[in-house]
């Protein structure tokens, strides 16, 4: 009987190869920094990157993934549309999806949201305070009133997304902006969590509370047993 949640962590893995500053923070890639705390919590974790065949997201990989974590930034347009379509289809059929930071501009997230997903941004390394605004939500289990990050990239409203099912975090930045930094959505049978922190030039994914949020989000997004909808022409149940 399978018990471990099967997680695939997807990362472009471009910044780490092209920038010494990023490589100093994430010497084994952002994907492996994300994977370690997940493995430490008992999940069955694999990683995939952009330059692998089929971006590492073969049918076998996607069909054996319960929750997919997505980090992308500089190469959104290089993701093959056929792979995007497969990921979206898997989400609609129940696979959980966690989209991190600049993954808001990924083809996958934009297709599932149906909007531009645009926002304000500023790279100035200012502090970010992520306020928990849904304290009973399982994604914030073990998190206090807020998470404090000393240095992060600013994202500001308006964030052009559909109205979330739930807003879990709202961020405040030193420059005065606010942002809906933790949002949940349901698409088909799948659950989606967008989580804002994680600019590549800051050690955000080494932060214990950020790791805890992602671990909690995987548990939340894990598919649950339930009826599978049947579509198309249907015969009457009553005669």
Protein backbone atom coordinates (compact mmCIF):
# COMPACT_ATOMS: atom_id res chain seq x y z
CA UNK A 1 0.00 0.00 0.00
CA UNK A 2 1.45 3.38 -1.06
CA UNK A 3 1.65 5.91 1.76
CA UNK A 4 4.34 8.47 0.81
CA UNK A 5 3.16 11.50 -1.17
CA UNK A 6 4.95 11.53 -4.54
CA UNK A 7 6.36 14.98 -5.28
CA UNK A 8 8.11 16.27 -8.41
CA UNK A 9 10.06 19.52 -8.02
CA UNK A 10 10.46 21.31 -11.36
CA UNK A 11 13.00 24.08 -11.84
CA UNK A 12 14.39 25.85 -14.90
CA UNK A 13 17.93 25.41 -13.48
CA UNK A 14 19.30 28.27 -15.56
CA UNK A 15 20.18 30.98 -13.02
CA UNK A 16 22.30 28.55 -11.00
CA UNK A 17 24.34 27.63 -14.08
CA UNK A 18 24.73 31.19 -15.39
CA UNK A 19 25.22 33.24 -12.22
CA UNK A 20 27.94 32.75 -9.64
CA UNK A 21 25.91 34.78 -7.12
CA UNK A 22 22.97 32.40 -7.43
CA UNK A 23 25.24 29.36 -7.46
CA UNK A 24 26.72 30.46 -4.13
CA UNK A 25 23.24 30.39 -2.58
CA UNK A 26 21.96 27.27 -4.34
CA UNK A 27 25.05 25.24 -5.35
CA UNK A 28 22.94 22.18 -6.17
CA UNK A 29 20.10 24.12 -7.74
CA UNK A 30 16.88 25.54 -6.36
CA UNK A 31 15.17 22.22 -7.09
CA UNK A 32 17.46 20.32 -4.75
CA UNK A 33 17.16 22.99 -2.06
CA UNK A 34 13.38 22.54 -2.24
CA UNK A 35 13.61 18.75 -2.39
CA UNK A 36 15.68 18.23 0.78
CA UNK A 37 13.13 19.35 3.41
CA UNK A 38 10.43 17.45 1.53
CA UNK A 39 12.48 14.25 1.70
CA UNK A 40 13.24 14.95 5.35
CA UNK A 41 9.48 14.95 5.93
CA UNK A 42 9.02 11.54 4.37
CA UNK A 43 7.84 12.45 0.89
CA UNK A 44 8.89 10.47 -2.20
CA UNK A 45 10.65 13.25 -4.14
CA UNK A 46 12.12 13.49 -7.63
CA UNK A 47 13.36 16.56 -9.50
CA UNK A 48 13.02 17.68 -13.12
CA UNK A 49 14.58 20.57 -15.04
CA UNK A 50 13.95 22.49 -18.24
CA UNK A 51 16.82 21.10 -20.33
CA UNK A 52 16.03 17.44 -19.72
CA UNK A 53 14.16 15.58 -22.48
CA UNK A 54 10.48 16.59 -22.27
CA UNK A 55 11.63 19.00 -19.51
CA UNK A 56 11.84 15.96 -17.25
CA UNK A 57 8.03 15.71 -17.30
CA UNK A 58 7.43 12.53 -19.24
CA UNK A 59 4.07 10.80 -19.13
CA UNK A 60 5.48 8.29 -16.64
CA UNK A 61 6.71 11.10 -14.36
CA UNK A 62 3.48 13.10 -14.49
CA UNK A 63 1.29 10.03 -14.03
CA UNK A 64 3.24 9.08 -10.90
CA UNK A 65 3.23 12.59 -9.38
CA UNK A 66 0.76 13.52 -6.66
CA UNK A 67 2.01 17.10 -6.25
CA UNK A 68 4.09 19.12 -8.71
CA UNK A 69 6.15 22.11 -7.49
CA UNK A 70 7.02 24.69 -10.18
CA UNK A 71 9.81 27.31 -10.14
CA UNK A 72 10.53 29.27 -13.30
CA UNK A 73 11.71 32.75 -14.22
CA UNK A 74 13.87 33.49 -17.25
CA UNK A 75 12.72 30.85 -19.74
CA UNK A 76 8.94 30.58 -19.50
CA UNK A 77 8.60 30.71 -23.29
CA UNK A 78 10.95 27.74 -23.73
CA UNK A 79 8.51 25.38 -22.04
CA UNK A 80 6.92 23.27 -24.74
CA UNK A 81 3.18 23.86 -25.17
CA UNK A 82 2.55 20.11 -25.41
CA UNK A 83 4.11 19.61 -21.96
CA UNK A 84 2.09 22.54 -20.59
CA UNK A 85 -1.09 20.91 -21.87
CA UNK A 86 -0.19 17.63 -20.17
CA UNK A 87 0.51 19.35 -16.85
CA UNK A 88 -2.77 21.26 -17.00
CA UNK A 89 -4.66 18.06 -17.82
CA UNK A 90 -3.09 16.28 -14.85
CA UNK A 91 -4.10 19.14 -12.55
CA UNK A 92 -7.68 18.98 -13.82
CA UNK A 93 -7.65 15.25 -13.04
CA UNK A 94 -6.42 15.77 -9.50
CA UNK A 95 -2.67 16.39 -9.34
CA UNK A 96 -1.75 19.11 -6.85
CA UNK A 97 0.26 22.10 -8.09
CA UNK A 98 2.40 24.52 -6.06
CA UNK A 99 3.63 27.52 -8.05
CA UNK A 100 6.49 29.48 -6.51
CA UNK A 101 7.59 33.10 -6.92
CA UNK A 102 8.08 34.07 -10.58
CA UNK A 103 6.24 30.94 -11.67
CA UNK A 104 3.22 33.28 -11.71
CA UNK A 105 4.27 34.04 -15.31
CA UNK A 106 4.65 30.39 -16.29
CA UNK A 107 2.54 29.08 -19.13
CA UNK A 108 1.05 26.47 -16.79
CA UNK A 109 -0.15 28.97 -14.18
CA UNK A 110 -1.42 31.52 -16.70
CA UNK A 111 -3.40 28.85 -18.54
CA UNK A 112 -4.99 27.61 -15.33
CA UNK A 113 -5.78 31.15 -14.17
CA UNK A 114 -6.97 32.51 -17.54
CA UNK A 115 -5.54 35.98 -16.82
CA UNK A 116 -2.28 37.87 -17.44
CA UNK A 117 -1.01 37.15 -13.89
CA UNK A 118 0.90 40.46 -14.09
CA UNK A 119 2.01 42.52 -11.09
CA UNK A 120 4.37 45.24 -9.86
CA UNK A 121 7.94 44.26 -8.96
CA UNK A 122 11.18 45.76 -7.73
CA UNK A 123 14.55 44.13 -7.06
CA UNK A 124 15.94 46.05 -4.10
CA UNK A 125 16.46 43.38 -1.44
CA UNK A 126 14.09 45.00 1.04
CA UNK A 127 12.48 43.14 3.89
CA UNK A 128 9.18 41.30 3.50
CA UNK A 129 6.67 40.44 6.20
CA UNK A 130 4.20 37.73 5.22
CA UNK A 131 1.14 38.06 7.44
CA UNK A 132 -0.99 34.97 8.03
CA UNK A 133 -4.57 36.02 7.23
CA UNK A 134 -6.15 32.55 7.39
CA UNK A 135 -4.80 31.21 10.71
CA UNK A 136 -6.87 28.01 10.66
CA UNK A 137 -5.64 26.94 7.24
CA UNK A 138 -3.53 23.73 7.20
CA UNK A 139 -0.88 25.43 5.03
CA UNK A 140 0.10 27.63 8.01
CA UNK A 141 0.24 24.82 10.57
CA UNK A 142 3.18 25.57 12.88
CA UNK A 143 3.64 29.11 11.53
CA UNK A 144 3.25 32.15 13.79
CA UNK A 145 1.41 35.39 13.03
CA UNK A 146 3.86 36.25 10.27
CA UNK A 147 7.04 35.17 8.48
CA UNK A 148 9.84 37.74 8.33
CA UNK A 149 12.29 37.72 5.41
CA UNK A 150 15.24 40.08 5.67
CA UNK A 151 15.78 40.44 1.92
CA UNK A 152 13.40 39.67 -0.95
CA UNK A 153 12.22 40.96 -4.31
CA UNK A 154 9.11 43.13 -4.04
CA UNK A 155 5.88 42.06 -5.68
CA UNK A 156 3.00 44.52 -5.41
CA UNK A 157 -0.70 44.74 -6.18
CA UNK A 158 -2.56 44.71 -8.38
CA UNK A 159 -1.92 40.99 -8.98
CA UNK A 160 -3.99 40.09 -12.05
CA UNK A 161 -5.35 36.71 -10.98
CA UNK A 162 -8.92 35.46 -10.53
CA UNK A 163 -10.33 35.91 -7.05
CA UNK A 164 -8.61 33.15 -5.02
CA UNK A 165 -10.62 30.50 -3.22
CA UNK A 166 -8.60 31.44 -0.13
CA UNK A 167 -5.95 34.05 0.67
CA UNK A 168 -3.54 32.53 3.20
CA UNK A 169 -0.77 35.18 3.28
CA UNK A 170 -0.65 38.90 2.58
CA UNK A 171 2.82 40.46 2.30
CA UNK A 172 3.97 43.92 3.31
CA UNK A 173 7.19 45.41 1.93
CA UNK A 174 9.38 48.19 3.27
CA UNK A 175 8.53 50.34 0.24
CA UNK A 176 4.87 50.31 1.28
CA UNK A 177 3.40 47.78 -1.16
CA UNK A 178 1.20 44.84 -0.20
CA UNK A 179 0.64 41.60 -2.09
CA UNK A 180 -1.53 38.48 -1.90
CA UNK A 181 1.40 36.14 -1.38
CA UNK A 182 -0.34 32.87 -0.60
CA UNK A 183 -3.43 31.99 -2.64
CA UNK A 184 -5.33 28.76 -3.21
CA UNK A 185 -7.39 27.74 -6.23
CA UNK A 186 -9.26 24.66 -7.35
CA UNK A 187 -9.32 23.65 -10.98
CA UNK A 188 -11.20 20.46 -11.86
CA UNK A 189 -10.20 17.91 -9.20
CA UNK A 190 -6.82 19.57 -8.58
CA UNK A 191 -5.75 21.99 -5.86
CA UNK A 192 -3.30 24.84 -6.58
CA UNK A 193 -1.28 26.98 -4.16
CA UNK A 194 0.61 30.05 -5.33
CA UNK A 195 3.37 31.11 -2.88
CA UNK A 196 5.25 34.34 -3.63
CA UNK A 197 8.69 34.22 -1.88
CA UNK A 198 11.77 32.79 -3.57
CA UNK A 199 13.82 35.20 -5.66
CA UNK A 200 16.96 33.41 -6.82
CA UNK A 201 19.45 35.94 -5.39
CA UNK A 202 18.19 35.49 -1.81
CA UNK A 203 18.42 32.35 0.39
CA UNK A 204 14.65 32.20 0.90
CA UNK A 205 14.33 28.44 0.40
CA UNK A 206 16.82 27.82 3.21
CA UNK A 207 14.45 29.62 5.62
CA UNK A 208 12.89 27.13 8.04
CA UNK A 209 9.42 28.67 8.05
CA UNK A 210 9.31 28.94 4.25
CA UNK A 211 10.24 25.26 4.08
CA UNK A 212 7.48 24.48 6.58
CA UNK A 213 4.88 26.31 4.47
CA UNK A 214 5.88 24.33 1.36
CA UNK A 215 5.78 21.03 3.26
CA UNK A 216 2.32 21.91 4.57
CA UNK A 217 1.19 22.94 1.08
CA UNK A 218 2.22 19.58 -0.35
CA UNK A 219 0.11 17.79 2.24
CA UNK A 220 -2.82 20.11 1.50
CA UNK A 221 -2.56 19.72 -2.29
CA UNK A 222 -2.18 15.94 -2.19
CA UNK A 223 -5.10 14.36 -4.11
CA UNK A 224 -7.87 12.89 -1.99
CA UNK A 225 -10.08 9.95 -2.81
CA UNK A 226 -13.45 11.05 -4.09
CA UNK A 227 -15.93 10.53 -6.90
CA UNK A 228 -14.59 11.00 -10.41
CA UNK A 229 -16.95 13.23 -12.42
CA UNK A 230 -18.51 11.70 -15.51
CA UNK A 231 -19.15 14.04 -18.44
CA UNK A 232 -20.91 13.84 -21.77
CA UNK A 233 -24.24 12.39 -22.80
CA UNK A 234 -25.97 10.64 -19.90
CA UNK A 235 -28.98 8.35 -19.66
CA UNK A 236 -31.66 9.19 -17.05
CA UNK A 237 -31.27 7.60 -13.64
CA UNK A 238 -35.03 7.35 -13.22
CA UNK A 239 -37.40 5.60 -15.58
